[in-house]
C-alpha atoms as a PDB file:
ATOM      1  CA  MET A   1     -51.551  -3.312  36.187  1.00  0.00           C
ATOM      2  CA  ARG A   2     -49.102  -2.569  38.818  1.00  0.00           C
ATOM      3  CA  ILE A   3     -46.400  -2.154  36.093  1.00  0.00           C
ATOM      4  CA  ARG A   4     -48.576   0.438  34.136  1.00  0.00           C
ATOM      5  CA  ARG A   5     -49.051   2.509  37.357  1.00  0.00           C
ATOM      6  CA  ILE A   6     -45.225   2.419  37.949  1.00  0.00           C
ATOM      7  CA  LEU A   7     -44.237   3.213  34.201  1.00  0.00           C
ATOM      8  CA  ALA A   8     -47.121   6.284  34.267  1.00  0.00           C
ATOM      9  CA  ALA A   9     -45.295   7.616  37.359  1.00  0.00           C
ATOM     10  CA  VAL A  10     -42.017   7.329  35.722  1.00  0.00           C
ATOM     11  CA  ILE A  11     -42.770   8.979  32.701  1.00  0.00           C
ATOM     12  CA  ALA A  12     -44.518  11.782  34.530  1.00  0.00           C
ATOM     13  CA  THR A  13     -41.632  12.234  36.660  1.00  0.00           C
ATOM     14  CA  ALA A  14     -39.236  12.540  33.723  1.00  0.00           C
ATOM     15  CA  ALA A  15     -41.524  14.912  31.932  1.00  0.00           C
ATOM     16  CA  LEU A  16     -41.963  17.129  34.877  1.00  0.00           C
ATOM     17  CA  THR A  17     -37.907  16.959  35.316  1.00  0.00           C
ATOM     18  CA  GLY A  18     -37.364  17.814  31.806  1.00  0.00           C
ATOM     19  CA  LEU A  19     -39.664  20.782  32.065  1.00  0.00           C
ATOM     20  CA  GLY A  20     -37.695  22.223  34.877  1.00  0.00           C
ATOM     21  CA  LEU A  21     -34.684  21.777  33.258  1.00  0.00           C
ATOM     22  CA  THR A  22     -36.115  23.702  30.144  1.00  0.00           C
ATOM     23  CA  GLY A  23     -37.353  26.465  32.274  1.00  0.00           C
ATOM     24  CA  ALA A  24     -34.058  27.111  34.067  1.00  0.00           C
ATOM     25  CA  ALA A  25     -32.448  27.486  30.824  1.00  0.00           C
ATOM     26  CA  THR A  26     -34.758  29.814  29.646  1.00  0.00           C
ATOM     27  CA  ALA A  27     -34.398  31.816  32.771  1.00  0.00           C
ATOM     28  CA  THR A  28     -30.493  32.035  32.249  1.00  0.00           C
ATOM     29  CA  ALA A  29     -31.005  33.110  28.774  1.00  0.00           C
ATOM     30  CA  GLN A  30     -33.347  35.993  29.767  1.00  0.00           C
ATOM     31  CA  GLY A  31     -31.111  37.221  32.461  1.00  0.00           C
ATOM     32  CA  ALA A  32     -28.498  38.548  29.646  1.00  0.00           C
ATOM     33  CA  PRO A  33     -28.834  42.218  29.014  1.00  0.00           C
ATOM     34  CA  SER A  34     -29.585  43.022  25.524  1.00  0.00           C
ATOM     35  CA  VAL A  35     -28.790  45.889  23.365  1.00  0.00           C
ATOM     36  CA  VAL A  36     -31.105  47.555  20.951  1.00  0.00           C
ATOM     37  CA  THR A  37     -30.551  50.065  18.100  1.00  0.00           C
ATOM     38  CA  PRO A  38     -32.396  53.406  18.225  1.00  0.00           C
ATOM     39  CA  SER A  39     -34.616  52.272  15.537  1.00  0.00           C
ATOM     40  CA  GLU A  40     -35.639  49.325  17.247  1.00  0.00           C
ATOM     41  CA  CYS A  41     -36.360  51.124  20.240  1.00  0.00           C
ATOM     42  CA  ARG A  42     -38.893  53.223  18.541  1.00  0.00           C
ATOM     43  CA  GLN A  43     -40.428  50.500  16.548  1.00  0.00           C
ATOM     44  CA  GLY A  44     -41.255  48.701  19.933  1.00  0.00           C
ATOM     45  CA  GLY A  45     -43.068  51.979  21.114  1.00  0.00           C
ATOM     46  CA  GLY A  46     -40.329  53.614  23.200  1.00  0.00           C
ATOM     47  CA  MET A  47     -38.330  56.681  22.939  1.00  0.00           C
ATOM     48  CA  PRO A  48     -34.160  55.986  22.950  1.00  0.00           C
ATOM     49  CA  ASP A  49     -32.716  58.381  25.604  1.00  0.00           C
ATOM     50  CA  LEU A  50     -29.317  59.025  24.047  1.00  0.00           C
ATOM     51  CA  ALA A  51     -27.997  60.726  27.278  1.00  0.00           C
ATOM     52  CA  ASP A  52     -28.598  57.709  29.345  1.00  0.00           C
ATOM     53  CA  ASN A  53     -28.184  55.102  26.516  1.00  0.00           C
ATOM     54  CA  LEU A  54     -31.418  53.581  27.303  1.00  0.00           C
ATOM     55  CA  CYS A  55     -34.756  52.945  25.622  1.00  0.00           C
ATOM     56  CA  LYS A  56     -37.458  54.337  27.567  1.00  0.00           C
ATOM     57  CA  GLY A  57     -40.875  52.903  27.354  1.00  0.00           C
ATOM     58  CA  GLY A  58     -42.424  50.397  24.797  1.00  0.00           C
ATOM     59  CA  THR A  59     -41.373  46.676  24.659  1.00  0.00           C
ATOM     60  CA  HIS A  60     -37.656  47.419  25.072  1.00  0.00           C
ATOM     61  CA  ASP A  61     -38.134  49.481  28.193  1.00  0.00           C
ATOM     62  CA  GLY A  62     -34.890  49.844  30.069  1.00  0.00           C
ATOM     63  CA  GLU A  63     -32.718  48.159  27.583  1.00  0.00           C
ATOM     64  CA  GLN A  64     -29.304  49.600  26.479  1.00  0.00           C
ATOM     65  CA  VAL A  65     -29.605  51.268  23.176  1.00  0.00           C
ATOM     66  CA  ASP A  66     -26.365  51.064  20.980  1.00  0.00           C
END
């Protein structure tokens, strides 16, 4: 019975550690700036501001327009 508790604690710790590493990798990937086309900006509900090269509004708000 004691072995089961220890084994459960080891598995739980390994699972939580794996989630932490996955979260860190996801945060790093999301930090990279993305570039969208004017068409993608419009499809996301925004308006491409070609003077500032930014998508204003919608799902791509603040992303660079190429």
